[in-house]
Amino acid sequence: QVQLVESGGGLVQAGGSLRLSCVVSGTIFSISAMGWYRQAPGKQRELVATITSAGNTNYADSVKGRFTISRDNPKNTVYLQMNSLKPEDTAVYYCNAAPSPGSSYYTAGGYWGQGTQVTVSS
């Protein structure tokens, strides 16, 4: 059974920092592209950052230069370091694991965690 558990969210003032973590159970981590997404109230879920199994990264324009995604394969963990936070970063942040299409674990849309709330006060 695949489970993703996020942690590290909280309340922070504008300009502050937080680090989110997502631990993935099971055996899919090493074969998965990992991603962080967020959903603000009244808005659609949007991509924040992704990292492939090879370590290639991609960021939304709104977070480039402020957020850094990384992964620790032996720990089955992906991180999102968030610096220079802004009130518009306030959202529920979700972790996603997308196993490669050739894997027996592949499923459209991948696997999702339960989300962690990030609130940035002005």
PDB file of N, CA and C in Angstrom:
ATOM      1  N   GLN A   1       0.845  -1.185   0.000  1.00  0.00           N
ATOM      2  CA  GLN A   1       0.000   0.000   0.000  1.00  0.00           C
ATOM      3  C   GLN A   1       0.884   1.240   0.000  1.00  0.00           C
ATOM      4  N   VAL A   2       0.531   2.181  -0.839  1.00  0.00           N
ATOM      5  CA  VAL A   2       1.306   3.406  -0.962  1.00  0.00           C
ATOM      6  C   VAL A   2       0.692   4.489  -0.073  1.00  0.00           C
ATOM      7  N   GLN A   3       1.532   5.107   0.728  1.00  0.00           N
ATOM      8  CA  GLN A   3       1.078   6.222   1.559  1.00  0.00           C
ATOM      9  C   GLN A   3       2.081   7.355   1.477  1.00  0.00           C
ATOM     10  N   LEU A   4       1.558   8.578   1.419  1.00  0.00           N
ATOM     11  CA  LEU A   4       2.375   9.772   1.433  1.00  0.00           C
ATOM     12  C   LEU A   4       1.943  10.596   2.632  1.00  0.00           C
ATOM     13  N   VAL A   5       2.894  10.985   3.453  1.00  0.00           N
ATOM     14  CA  VAL A   5       2.590  11.748   4.660  1.00  0.00           C
ATOM     15  C   VAL A   5       3.404  13.034   4.661  1.00  0.00           C
ATOM     16  N   GLU A   6       2.687  14.157   4.578  1.00  0.00           N
ATOM     17  CA  GLU A   6       3.346  15.463   4.583  1.00  0.00           C
ATOM     18  C   GLU A   6       3.450  16.005   6.002  1.00  0.00           C
ATOM     19  N   SER A   7       4.423  16.859   6.206  1.00  0.00           N
ATOM     20  CA  SER A   7       4.570  17.561   7.473  1.00  0.00           C
ATOM     21  C   SER A   7       5.348  18.846   7.230  1.00  0.00           C
ATOM     22  N   GLY A   8       5.332  19.722   8.229  1.00  0.00           N
ATOM     23  CA  GLY A   8       6.128  20.932   8.156  1.00  0.00           C
ATOM     24  C   GLY A   8       5.356  22.208   7.896  1.00  0.00           C
ATOM     25  N   GLY A   9       4.070  22.088   7.664  1.00  0.00           N
ATOM     26  CA  GLY A   9       3.280  23.290   7.445  1.00  0.00           C
ATOM     27  C   GLY A   9       3.096  24.082   8.736  1.00  0.00           C
ATOM     28  N   GLY A  10       2.527  25.270   8.603  1.00  0.00           N
ATOM     29  CA  GLY A  10       2.297  26.086   9.777  1.00  0.00           C
ATOM     30  C   GLY A  10       2.030  27.527   9.422  1.00  0.00           C
ATOM     31  N   LEU A  11       2.086  28.374  10.437  1.00  0.00           N
ATOM     32  CA  LEU A  11       1.857  29.813  10.286  1.00  0.00           C
ATOM     33  C   LEU A  11       3.198  30.532  10.358  1.00  0.00           C
ATOM     34  N   VAL A  12       3.437  31.396   9.388  1.00  0.00           N
ATOM     35  CA  VAL A  12       4.702  32.125   9.341  1.00  0.00           C
ATOM     36  C   VAL A  12       4.424  33.534   8.833  1.00  0.00           C
ATOM     37  N   GLN A  13       5.241  34.469   9.247  1.00  0.00           N
ATOM     38  CA  GLN A  13       5.104  35.837   8.756  1.00  0.00           C
ATOM     39  C   GLN A  13       5.710  35.968   7.364  1.00  0.00           C
ATOM     40  N   ALA A  14       5.230  36.943   6.641  1.00  0.00           N
ATOM     41  CA  ALA A  14       5.791  37.211   5.318  1.00  0.00           C
ATOM     42  C   ALA A  14       7.294  37.435   5.423  1.00  0.00           C
ATOM     43  N   GLY A  15       8.018  36.852   4.481  1.00  0.00           N
ATOM     44  CA  GLY A  15       9.463  36.921   4.498  1.00  0.00           C
ATOM     45  C   GLY A  15      10.127  35.760   5.202  1.00  0.00           C
ATOM     46  N   GLY A  16       9.337  34.966   5.899  1.00  0.00           N
ATOM     47  CA  GLY A  16       9.867  33.836   6.638  1.00  0.00           C
ATOM     48  C   GLY A  16      10.063  32.599   5.776  1.00  0.00           C
ATOM     49  N   SER A  17      10.428  31.514   6.440  1.00  0.00           N
ATOM     50  CA  SER A  17      10.734  30.263   5.748  1.00  0.00           C
ATOM     51  C   SER A  17      10.044  29.080   6.422  1.00  0.00           C
ATOM     52  N   LEU A  18       9.767  28.081   5.622  1.00  0.00           N
ATOM     53  CA  LEU A  18       9.276  26.799   6.106  1.00  0.00           C
ATOM     54  C   LEU A  18       9.886  25.704   5.243  1.00  0.00           C
ATOM     55  N   ARG A  19      10.006  24.517   5.810  1.00  0.00           N
ATOM     56  CA  ARG A  19      10.424  23.356   5.017  1.00  0.00           C
ATOM     57  C   ARG A  19       9.383  22.264   5.172  1.00  0.00           C
ATOM     58  N   LEU A  20       8.816  21.881   4.060  1.00  0.00           N
ATOM     59  CA  LEU A  20       7.853  20.784   4.024  1.00  0.00           C
ATOM     60  C   LEU A  20       8.576  19.475   3.733  1.00  0.00           C
ATOM     61  N   SER A  21       8.067  18.403   4.328  1.00  0.00           N
ATOM     62  CA  SER A  21       8.598  17.065   4.080  1.00  0.00           C
ATOM     63  C   SER A  21       7.461  16.144   3.678  1.00  0.00           C
ATOM     64  N   CYS A  22       7.792  15.166   2.878  1.00  0.00           N
ATOM     65  CA  CYS A  22       6.811  14.162   2.466  1.00  0.00           C
ATOM     66  C   CYS A  22       7.519  12.810   2.452  1.00  0.00           C
ATOM     67  N   VAL A  23       7.072  11.930   3.320  1.00  0.00           N
ATOM     68  CA  VAL A  23       7.630  10.586   3.386  1.00  0.00           C
ATOM     69  C   VAL A  23       6.717   9.634   2.643  1.00  0.00           C
ATOM     70  N   VAL A  24       7.309   8.823   1.792  1.00  0.00           N
ATOM     71  CA  VAL A  24       6.552   7.886   0.958  1.00  0.00           C
ATOM     72  C   VAL A  24       6.814   6.469   1.427  1.00  0.00           C
ATOM     73  N   SER A  25       5.752   5.771   1.780  1.00  0.00           N
ATOM     74  CA  SER A  25       5.899   4.374   2.178  1.00  0.00           C
ATOM     75  C   SER A  25       5.833   3.499   0.939  1.00  0.00           C
ATOM     76  N   GLY A  26       6.246   2.274   1.086  1.00  0.00           N
ATOM     77  CA  GLY A  26       6.215   1.381  -0.049  1.00  0.00           C
ATOM     78  C   GLY A  26       7.488   1.453  -0.850  1.00  0.00           C
ATOM     79  N   THR A  27       7.444   0.923  -2.048  1.00  0.00           N
ATOM     80  CA  THR A  27       8.660   0.780  -2.841  1.00  0.00           C
ATOM     81  C   THR A  27       8.681   1.667  -4.073  1.00  0.00           C
ATOM     82  N   ILE A  28       7.781   2.640  -4.121  1.00  0.00           N
ATOM     83  CA  ILE A  28       7.651   3.408  -5.362  1.00  0.00           C
ATOM     84  C   ILE A  28       8.554   4.623  -5.449  1.00  0.00           C
ATOM     85  N   PHE A  29       9.161   5.024  -4.324  1.00  0.00           N
ATOM     86  CA  PHE A  29       9.828   6.324  -4.301  1.00  0.00           C
ATOM     87  C   PHE A  29      10.908   6.436  -5.363  1.00  0.00           C
ATOM     88  N   SER A  30      11.754   5.425  -5.460  1.00  0.00           N
ATOM     89  CA  SER A  30      12.905   5.526  -6.355  1.00  0.00           C
ATOM     90  C   SER A  30      12.504   5.535  -7.828  1.00  0.00           C
ATOM     91  N   ILE A  31      11.301   5.093  -8.128  1.00  0.00           N
ATOM     92  CA  ILE A  31      10.854   5.036  -9.525  1.00  0.00           C
ATOM     93  C   ILE A  31       9.870   6.135  -9.854  1.00  0.00           C
ATOM     94  N   SER A  32       9.739   7.073  -8.935  1.00  0.00           N
ATOM     95  CA  SER A  32       8.702   8.094  -9.099  1.00  0.00           C
ATOM     96  C   SER A  32       9.275   9.482  -9.253  1.00  0.00           C
ATOM     97  N   ALA A  33       8.633  10.235 -10.126  1.00  0.00           N
ATOM     98  CA  ALA A  33       8.799  11.677 -10.092  1.00  0.00           C
ATOM     99  C   ALA A  33       7.960  12.187  -8.925  1.00  0.00           C
ATOM    100  N   MET A  34       8.500  13.128  -8.177  1.00  0.00           N
ATOM    101  CA  MET A  34       7.799  13.657  -7.018  1.00  0.00           C
ATOM    102  C   MET A  34       7.435  15.112  -7.267  1.00  0.00           C
ATOM    103  N   GLY A  35       6.335  15.518  -6.692  1.00  0.00           N
ATOM    104  CA  GLY A  35       5.918  16.897  -6.901  1.00  0.00           C
ATOM    105  C   GLY A  35       5.212  17.473  -5.693  1.00  0.00           C
ATOM    106  N   TRP A  36       5.261  18.785  -5.623  1.00  0.00           N
ATOM    107  CA  TRP A  36       4.475  19.538  -4.644  1.00  0.00           C
ATOM    108  C   TRP A  36       3.470  20.385  -5.413  1.00  0.00           C
ATOM    109  N   TYR A  37       2.244  20.347  -4.940  1.00  0.00           N
ATOM    110  CA  TYR A  37       1.163  21.139  -5.497  1.00  0.00           C
ATOM    111  C   TYR A  37       0.514  21.912  -4.351  1.00  0.00           C
ATOM    112  N   ARG A  38      -0.254  22.931  -4.707  1.00  0.00           N
ATOM    113  CA  ARG A  38      -0.954  23.671  -3.653  1.00  0.00           C
ATOM    114  C   ARG A  38      -2.326  24.100  -4.136  1.00  0.00           C
ATOM    115  N   GLN A  39      -3.205  24.286  -3.172  1.00  0.00           N
ATOM    116  CA  GLN A  39      -4.565  24.723  -3.484  1.00  0.00           C
ATOM    117  C   GLN A  39      -4.988  25.762  -2.462  1.00  0.00           C
ATOM    118  N   ALA A  40      -5.222  26.954  -2.945  1.00  0.00           N
ATOM    119  CA  ALA A  40      -5.709  28.034  -2.103  1.00  0.00           C
ATOM    120  C   ALA A  40      -7.238  28.020  -2.107  1.00  0.00           C
ATOM    121  N   PRO A  41      -7.866  28.595  -1.098  1.00  0.00           N
ATOM    122  CA  PRO A  41      -9.338  28.613  -1.044  1.00  0.00           C
ATOM    123  C   PRO A  41      -9.936  29.236  -2.302  1.00  0.00           C
ATOM    124  N   GLY A  42     -10.883  28.529  -2.889  1.00  0.00           N
ATOM    125  CA  GLY A  42     -11.556  29.045  -4.062  1.00  0.00           C
ATOM    126  C   GLY A  42     -10.775  28.932  -5.357  1.00  0.00           C
ATOM    127  N   LYS A  43      -9.615  28.308  -5.307  1.00  0.00           N
ATOM    128  CA  LYS A  43      -8.790  28.178  -6.503  1.00  0.00           C
ATOM    129  C   LYS A  43      -8.515  26.718  -6.817  1.00  0.00           C
ATOM    130  N   GLN A  44      -8.085  26.482  -8.058  1.00  0.00           N
ATOM    131  CA  GLN A  44      -7.732  25.126  -8.453  1.00  0.00           C
ATOM    132  C   GLN A  44      -6.355  24.752  -7.917  1.00  0.00           C
ATOM    133  N   ARG A  45      -6.150  23.467  -7.794  1.00  0.00           N
ATOM    134  CA  ARG A  45      -4.844  22.980  -7.392  1.00  0.00           C
ATOM    135  C   ARG A  45      -3.830  23.305  -8.482  1.00  0.00           C
ATOM    136  N   GLU A  46      -2.657  23.776  -8.076  1.00  0.00           N
ATOM    137  CA  GLU A  46      -1.645  24.159  -9.045  1.00  0.00           C
ATOM    138  C   GLU A  46      -0.302  23.545  -8.710  1.00  0.00           C
ATOM    139  N   LEU A  47       0.501  23.367  -9.755  1.00  0.00           N
ATOM    140  CA  LEU A  47       1.844  22.832  -9.598  1.00  0.00           C
ATOM    141  C   LEU A  47       2.735  23.853  -8.924  1.00  0.00           C
ATOM    142  N   VAL A  48       3.539  23.397  -7.964  1.00  0.00           N
ATOM    143  CA  VAL A  48       4.544  24.254  -7.342  1.00  0.00           C
ATOM    144  C   VAL A  48       5.928  23.860  -7.852  1.00  0.00           C
ATOM    145  N   ALA A  49       6.272  22.585  -7.726  1.00  0.00           N
ATOM    146  CA  ALA A  49       7.593  22.126  -8.140  1.00  0.00           C
ATOM    147  C   ALA A  49       7.573  20.617  -8.316  1.00  0.00           C
ATOM    148  N   THR A  50       8.423  20.134  -9.207  1.00  0.00           N
ATOM    149  CA  THR A  50       8.572  18.696  -9.403  1.00  0.00           C
ATOM    150  C   THR A  50      10.053  18.339  -9.459  1.00  0.00           C
ATOM    151  N   ILE A  51      10.337  17.070  -9.158  1.00  0.00           N
ATOM    152  CA  ILE A  51      11.700  16.563  -9.265  1.00  0.00           C
ATOM    153  C   ILE A  51      11.614  15.123  -9.769  1.00  0.00           C
ATOM    154  N   THR A  52      12.374  14.825 -10.807  1.00  0.00           N
ATOM    155  CA  THR A  52      12.341  13.482 -11.367  1.00  0.00           C
ATOM    156  C   THR A  52      13.193  12.545 -10.523  1.00  0.00           C
ATOM    157  N   SER A  53      13.115  11.249 -10.838  1.00  0.00           N
ATOM    158  CA  SER A  53      13.942  10.273 -10.135  1.00  0.00           C
ATOM    159  C   SER A  53      15.429  10.538 -10.375  1.00  0.00           C
ATOM    160  N   ALA A  54      15.749  11.210 -11.474  1.00  0.00           N
ATOM    161  CA  ALA A  54      17.147  11.548 -11.776  1.00  0.00           C
ATOM    162  C   ALA A  54      17.583  12.863 -11.148  1.00  0.00           C
ATOM    163  N   GLY A  55      16.627  13.565 -10.516  1.00  0.00           N
ATOM    164  CA  GLY A  55      16.969  14.810  -9.842  1.00  0.00           C
ATOM    165  C   GLY A  55      16.750  16.075 -10.640  1.00  0.00           C
ATOM    166  N   ASN A  56      16.109  15.964 -11.794  1.00  0.00           N
ATOM    167  CA  ASN A  56      15.810  17.158 -12.583  1.00  0.00           C
ATOM    168  C   ASN A  56      14.606  17.871 -11.991  1.00  0.00           C
ATOM    169  N   THR A  57      14.689  19.182 -11.887  1.00  0.00           N
ATOM    170  CA  THR A  57      13.651  19.959 -11.216  1.00  0.00           C
ATOM    171  C   THR A  57      12.931  20.910 -12.157  1.00  0.00           C
ATOM    172  N   ASN A  58      11.722  21.257 -11.738  1.00  0.00           N
ATOM    173  CA  ASN A  58      10.903  22.207 -12.483  1.00  0.00           C
ATOM    174  C   ASN A  58      10.086  23.002 -11.474  1.00  0.00           C
ATOM    175  N   TYR A  59       9.937  24.315 -11.730  1.00  0.00           N
ATOM    176  CA  TYR A  59       9.240  25.174 -10.774  1.00  0.00           C
ATOM    177  C   TYR A  59       8.194  26.041 -11.469  1.00  0.00           C
ATOM    178  N   ALA A  60       7.141  26.335 -10.747  1.00  0.00           N
ATOM    179  CA  ALA A  60       6.209  27.346 -11.215  1.00  0.00           C
ATOM    180  C   ALA A  60       6.914  28.694 -11.200  1.00  0.00           C
ATOM    181  N   ASP A  61       6.558  29.553 -12.141  1.00  0.00           N
ATOM    182  CA  ASP A  61       7.209  30.861 -12.209  1.00  0.00           C
ATOM    183  C   ASP A  61       7.061  31.645 -10.903  1.00  0.00           C
ATOM    184  N   SER A  62       5.940  31.468 -10.245  1.00  0.00           N
ATOM    185  CA  SER A  62       5.650  32.240  -9.041  1.00  0.00           C
ATOM    186  C   SER A  62       6.559  31.903  -7.863  1.00  0.00           C
ATOM    187  N   VAL A  63       7.242  30.767  -7.919  1.00  0.00           N
ATOM    188  CA  VAL A  63       8.085  30.362  -6.784  1.00  0.00           C
ATOM    189  C   VAL A  63       9.564  30.260  -7.158  1.00  0.00           C
ATOM    190  N   LYS A  64       9.899  30.443  -8.422  1.00  0.00           N
ATOM    191  CA  LYS A  64      11.303  30.355  -8.840  1.00  0.00           C
ATOM    192  C   LYS A  64      12.163  31.333  -8.062  1.00  0.00           C
ATOM    193  N   GLY A  65      13.296  30.828  -7.587  1.00  0.00           N
ATOM    194  CA  GLY A  65      14.206  31.668  -6.817  1.00  0.00           C
ATOM    195  C   GLY A  65      13.892  31.733  -5.341  1.00  0.00           C
ATOM    196  N   ARG A  66      12.708  31.247  -4.962  1.00  0.00           N
ATOM    197  CA  ARG A  66      12.318  31.264  -3.543  1.00  0.00           C
ATOM    198  C   ARG A  66      12.160  29.864  -2.957  1.00  0.00           C
ATOM    199  N   PHE A  67      11.684  28.934  -3.756  1.00  0.00           N
ATOM    200  CA  PHE A  67      11.444  27.562  -3.297  1.00  0.00           C
ATOM    201  C   PHE A  67      12.470  26.617  -3.914  1.00  0.00           C
ATOM    202  N   THR A  68      12.801  25.571  -3.153  1.00  0.00           N
ATOM    203  CA  THR A  68      13.710  24.541  -3.655  1.00  0.00           C
ATOM    204  C   THR A  68      13.156  23.172  -3.304  1.00  0.00           C
ATOM    205  N   ILE A  69      13.011  22.337  -4.327  1.00  0.00           N
ATOM    206  CA  ILE A  69      12.583  20.961  -4.120  1.00  0.00           C
ATOM    207  C   ILE A  69      13.804  20.060  -4.141  1.00  0.00           C
ATOM    208  N   SER A  70      13.803  19.065  -3.256  1.00  0.00           N
ATOM    209  CA  SER A  70      14.915  18.105  -3.221  1.00  0.00           C
ATOM    210  C   SER A  70      14.379  16.761  -2.758  1.00  0.00           C
ATOM    211  N   ARG A  71      15.179  15.738  -2.968  1.00  0.00           N
ATOM    212  CA  ARG A  71      14.753  14.412  -2.543  1.00  0.00           C
ATOM    213  C   ARG A  71      15.910  13.666  -1.909  1.00  0.00           C
ATOM    214  N   ASP A  72      15.572  12.829  -0.949  1.00  0.00           N
ATOM    215  CA  ASP A  72      16.546  11.966  -0.277  1.00  0.00           C
ATOM    216  C   ASP A  72      16.067  10.547  -0.499  1.00  0.00           C
ATOM    217  N   ASN A  73      16.637   9.882  -1.483  1.00  0.00           N
ATOM    218  CA  ASN A  73      16.144   8.561  -1.861  1.00  0.00           C
ATOM    219  C   ASN A  73      16.266   7.512  -0.755  1.00  0.00           C
ATOM    220  N   PRO A  74      17.386   7.441  -0.033  1.00  0.00           N
ATOM    221  CA  PRO A  74      17.442   6.437   1.050  1.00  0.00           C
ATOM    222  C   PRO A  74      16.380   6.639   2.123  1.00  0.00           C
ATOM    223  N   LYS A  75      15.914   7.883   2.276  1.00  0.00           N
ATOM    224  CA  LYS A  75      14.894   8.168   3.293  1.00  0.00           C
ATOM    225  C   LYS A  75      13.483   8.205   2.709  1.00  0.00           C
ATOM    226  N   ASN A  76      13.359   7.940   1.410  1.00  0.00           N
ATOM    227  CA  ASN A  76      12.047   7.987   0.756  1.00  0.00           C
ATOM    228  C   ASN A  76      11.324   9.306   1.038  1.00  0.00           C
ATOM    229  N   THR A  77      12.051  10.386   0.996  1.00  0.00           N
ATOM    230  CA  THR A  77      11.512  11.676   1.399  1.00  0.00           C
ATOM    231  C   THR A  77      11.795  12.744   0.354  1.00  0.00           C
ATOM    232  N   VAL A  78      10.800  13.568   0.117  1.00  0.00           N
ATOM    233  CA  VAL A  78      10.965  14.744  -0.733  1.00  0.00           C
ATOM    234  C   VAL A  78      10.704  15.973   0.128  1.00  0.00           C
ATOM    235  N   TYR A  79      11.463  17.032  -0.142  1.00  0.00           N
ATOM    236  CA  TYR A  79      11.373  18.254   0.649  1.00  0.00           C
ATOM    237  C   TYR A  79      10.985  19.428  -0.241  1.00  0.00           C
ATOM    238  N   LEU A  80      10.405  20.433   0.388  1.00  0.00           N
ATOM    239  CA  LEU A  80      10.185  21.706  -0.280  1.00  0.00           C
ATOM    240  C   LEU A  80      10.633  22.797   0.686  1.00  0.00           C
ATOM    241  N   GLN A  81      11.775  23.384   0.392  1.00  0.00           N
ATOM    242  CA  GLN A  81      12.264  24.508   1.179  1.00  0.00           C
ATOM    243  C   GLN A  81      11.659  25.783   0.617  1.00  0.00           C
ATOM    244  N   MET A  82      10.943  26.505   1.457  1.00  0.00           N
ATOM    245  CA  MET A  82      10.234  27.699   1.019  1.00  0.00           C
ATOM    246  C   MET A  82      10.801  28.904   1.760  1.00  0.00           C
ATOM    247  N   ASN A  83      11.402  29.797   1.019  1.00  0.00           N
ATOM    248  CA  ASN A  83      11.974  31.019   1.580  1.00  0.00           C
ATOM    249  C   ASN A  83      11.237  32.238   1.042  1.00  0.00           C
ATOM    250  N   SER A  84      11.441  33.360   1.703  1.00  0.00           N
ATOM    251  CA  SER A  84      10.821  34.625   1.284  1.00  0.00           C
ATOM    252  C   SER A  84       9.328  34.444   1.027  1.00  0.00           C
ATOM    253  N   LEU A  85       8.672  33.821   1.974  1.00  0.00           N
ATOM    254  CA  LEU A  85       7.253  33.504   1.789  1.00  0.00           C
ATOM    255  C   LEU A  85       6.408  34.768   1.703  1.00  0.00           C
ATOM    256  N   LYS A  86       5.356  34.672   0.900  1.00  0.00           N
ATOM    257  CA  LYS A  86       4.433  35.778   0.677  1.00  0.00           C
ATOM    258  C   LYS A  86       3.027  35.364   1.080  1.00  0.00           C
ATOM    259  N   PRO A  87       2.169  36.302   1.413  1.00  0.00           N
ATOM    260  CA  PRO A  87       0.781  35.929   1.752  1.00  0.00           C
ATOM    261  C   PRO A  87       0.108  35.121   0.650  1.00  0.00           C
ATOM    262  N   GLU A  88       0.458  35.378  -0.599  1.00  0.00           N
ATOM    263  CA  GLU A  88      -0.162  34.628  -1.701  1.00  0.00           C
ATOM    264  C   GLU A  88       0.323  33.190  -1.786  1.00  0.00           C
ATOM    265  N   ASP A  89       1.295  32.805  -0.975  1.00  0.00           N
ATOM    266  CA  ASP A  89       1.714  31.408  -0.896  1.00  0.00           C
ATOM    267  C   ASP A  89       0.809  30.602   0.035  1.00  0.00           C
ATOM    268  N   THR A  90      -0.096  31.263   0.712  1.00  0.00           N
ATOM    269  CA  THR A  90      -1.013  30.586   1.624  1.00  0.00           C
ATOM    270  C   THR A  90      -1.868  29.587   0.864  1.00  0.00           C
ATOM    271  N   ALA A  91      -1.850  28.336   1.313  1.00  0.00           N
ATOM    272  CA  ALA A  91      -2.573  27.265   0.630  1.00  0.00           C
ATOM    273  C   ALA A  91      -2.376  25.965   1.401  1.00  0.00           C
ATOM    274  N   VAL A  92      -3.131  24.955   1.001  1.00  0.00           N
ATOM    275  CA  VAL A  92      -2.831  23.591   1.425  1.00  0.00           C
ATOM    276  C   VAL A  92      -1.852  23.013   0.410  1.00  0.00           C
ATOM    277  N   TYR A  93      -0.751  22.500   0.896  1.00  0.00           N
ATOM    278  CA  TYR A  93       0.287  21.950   0.034  1.00  0.00           C
ATOM    279  C   TYR A  93       0.187  20.420   0.043  1.00  0.00           C
ATOM    280  N   TYR A  94       0.183  19.862  -1.169  1.00  0.00           N
ATOM    281  CA  TYR A  94       0.042  18.424  -1.343  1.00  0.00           C
ATOM    282  C   TYR A  94       1.283  17.833  -2.001  1.00  0.00           C
ATOM    283  N   CYS A  95       1.647  16.669  -1.552  1.00  0.00           N
ATOM    284  CA  CYS A  95       2.747  15.904  -2.138  1.00  0.00           C
ATOM    285  C   CYS A  95       2.158  14.889  -3.119  1.00  0.00           C
ATOM    286  N   ASN A  96       2.836  14.700  -4.233  1.00  0.00           N
ATOM    287  CA  ASN A  96       2.398  13.752  -5.251  1.00  0.00           C
ATOM    288  C   ASN A  96       3.558  12.864  -5.663  1.00  0.00           C
ATOM    289  N   ALA A  97       3.263  11.574  -5.821  1.00  0.00           N
ATOM    290  CA  ALA A  97       4.243  10.620  -6.339  1.00  0.00           C
ATOM    291  C   ALA A  97       3.706  10.039  -7.637  1.00  0.00           C
ATOM    292  N   ALA A  98       4.485  10.155  -8.682  1.00  0.00           N
ATOM    293  CA  ALA A  98       4.066   9.685 -10.000  1.00  0.00           C
ATOM    294  C   ALA A  98       5.026   8.604 -10.473  1.00  0.00           C
ATOM    295  N   PRO A  99       4.693   7.327 -10.242  1.00  0.00           N
ATOM    296  CA  PRO A  99       5.559   6.241 -10.733  1.00  0.00           C
ATOM    297  C   PRO A  99       5.639   6.251 -12.251  1.00  0.00           C
ATOM    298  N   SER A 100       6.748   5.769 -12.765  1.00  0.00           N
ATOM    299  CA  SER A 100       6.946   5.749 -14.206  1.00  0.00           C
ATOM    300  C   SER A 100       5.875   4.895 -14.873  1.00  0.00           C
ATOM    301  N   PRO A 101       5.467   5.264 -16.087  1.00  0.00           N
ATOM    302  CA  PRO A 101       4.391   4.546 -16.779  1.00  0.00           C
ATOM    303  C   PRO A 101       4.663   3.066 -16.971  1.00  0.00           C
ATOM    304  N   GLY A 102       5.914   2.672 -17.015  1.00  0.00           N
ATOM    305  CA  GLY A 102       6.224   1.264 -17.194  1.00  0.00           C
ATOM    306  C   GLY A 102       6.154   0.452 -15.920  1.00  0.00           C
ATOM    307  N   SER A 103       5.907   1.107 -14.813  1.00  0.00           N
ATOM    308  CA  SER A 103       5.879   0.435 -13.515  1.00  0.00           C
ATOM    309  C   SER A 103       4.523  -0.197 -13.239  1.00  0.00           C
ATOM    310  N   SER A 104       4.528  -1.276 -12.492  1.00  0.00           N
ATOM    311  CA  SER A 104       3.255  -1.900 -12.087  1.00  0.00           C
ATOM    312  C   SER A 104       2.500  -1.024 -11.104  1.00  0.00           C
ATOM    313  N   TYR A 105       3.181  -0.004 -10.536  1.00  0.00           N
ATOM    314  CA  TYR A 105       2.513   0.898  -9.598  1.00  0.00           C
ATOM    315  C   TYR A 105       1.886   2.098 -10.298  1.00  0.00           C
ATOM    316  N   TYR A 106       2.084   2.173 -11.614  1.00  0.00           N
ATOM    317  CA  TYR A 106       1.594   3.353 -12.319  1.00  0.00           C
ATOM    318  C   TYR A 106       0.085   3.491 -12.195  1.00  0.00           C
ATOM    319  N   THR A 107      -0.349   4.699 -11.925  1.00  0.00           N
ATOM    320  CA  THR A 107      -1.761   5.031 -11.947  1.00  0.00           C
ATOM    321  C   THR A 107      -1.877   6.472 -12.411  1.00  0.00           C
ATOM    322  N   ALA A 108      -2.867   6.734 -13.235  1.00  0.00           N
ATOM    323  CA  ALA A 108      -3.050   8.085 -13.762  1.00  0.00           C
ATOM    324  C   ALA A 108      -3.223   9.067 -12.615  1.00  0.00           C
ATOM    325  N   GLY A 109      -2.438  10.131 -12.643  1.00  0.00           N
ATOM    326  CA  GLY A 109      -2.507  11.128 -11.585  1.00  0.00           C
ATOM    327  C   GLY A 109      -1.600  10.848 -10.417  1.00  0.00           C
ATOM    328  N   GLY A 110      -1.103   9.624 -10.327  1.00  0.00           N
ATOM    329  CA  GLY A 110      -0.189   9.293  -9.249  1.00  0.00           C
ATOM    330  C   GLY A 110      -0.891   9.149  -7.909  1.00  0.00           C
ATOM    331  N   TYR A 111      -0.111   9.268  -6.855  1.00  0.00           N
ATOM    332  CA  TYR A 111      -0.599   9.120  -5.485  1.00  0.00           C
ATOM    333  C   TYR A 111      -0.455  10.454  -4.759  1.00  0.00           C
ATOM    334  N   TRP A 112      -1.399  10.714  -3.843  1.00  0.00           N
ATOM    335  CA  TRP A 112      -1.433  11.999  -3.156  1.00  0.00           C
ATOM    336  C   TRP A 112      -1.383  11.832  -1.643  1.00  0.00           C
ATOM    337  N   GLY A 113      -0.762  12.818  -1.004  1.00  0.00           N
ATOM    338  CA  GLY A 113      -0.832  12.891   0.437  1.00  0.00           C
ATOM    339  C   GLY A 113      -2.082  13.629   0.880  1.00  0.00           C
ATOM    340  N   GLN A 114      -2.218  13.791   2.195  1.00  0.00           N
ATOM    341  CA  GLN A 114      -3.435  14.400   2.735  1.00  0.00           C
ATOM    342  C   GLN A 114      -3.360  15.921   2.755  1.00  0.00           C
ATOM    343  N   GLY A 115      -2.183  16.467   2.559  1.00  0.00           N
ATOM    344  CA  GLY A 115      -2.011  17.915   2.518  1.00  0.00           C
ATOM    345  C   GLY A 115      -1.575  18.489   3.858  1.00  0.00           C
ATOM    346  N   THR A 116      -0.873  19.599   3.779  1.00  0.00           N
ATOM    347  CA  THR A 116      -0.451  20.321   4.977  1.00  0.00           C
ATOM    348  C   THR A 116      -0.680  21.822   4.748  1.00  0.00           C
ATOM    349  N   GLN A 117      -1.247  22.478   5.739  1.00  0.00           N
ATOM    350  CA  GLN A 117      -1.628  23.883   5.593  1.00  0.00           C
ATOM    351  C   GLN A 117      -0.420  24.797   5.802  1.00  0.00           C
ATOM    352  N   VAL A 118      -0.253  25.718   4.890  1.00  0.00           N
ATOM    353  CA  VAL A 118       0.744  26.782   5.019  1.00  0.00           C
ATOM    354  C   VAL A 118       0.004  28.117   5.012  1.00  0.00           C
ATOM    355  N   THR A 119       0.204  28.898   6.056  1.00  0.00           N
ATOM    356  CA  THR A 119      -0.427  30.203   6.150  1.00  0.00           C
ATOM    357  C   THR A 119       0.641  31.265   6.358  1.00  0.00           C
ATOM    358  N   VAL A 120       0.645  32.253   5.474  1.00  0.00           N
ATOM    359  CA  VAL A 120       1.624  33.326   5.537  1.00  0.00           C
ATOM    360  C   VAL A 120       0.893  34.618   5.866  1.00  0.00           C
ATOM    361  N   SER A 121       1.227  35.202   6.992  1.00  0.00           N
ATOM    362  CA  SER A 121       0.569  36.434   7.412  1.00  0.00           C
ATOM    363  C   SER A 121       1.355  37.644   6.920  1.00  0.00           C
ATOM    364  N   SER A 122       0.628  38.715   6.654  1.00  0.00           N
ATOM    365  CA  SER A 122       1.275  39.942   6.147  1.00  0.00           C
ATOM    366  C   SER A 122       1.711  40.856   7.277  1.00  0.00           C
TER     367      SER A 122
END
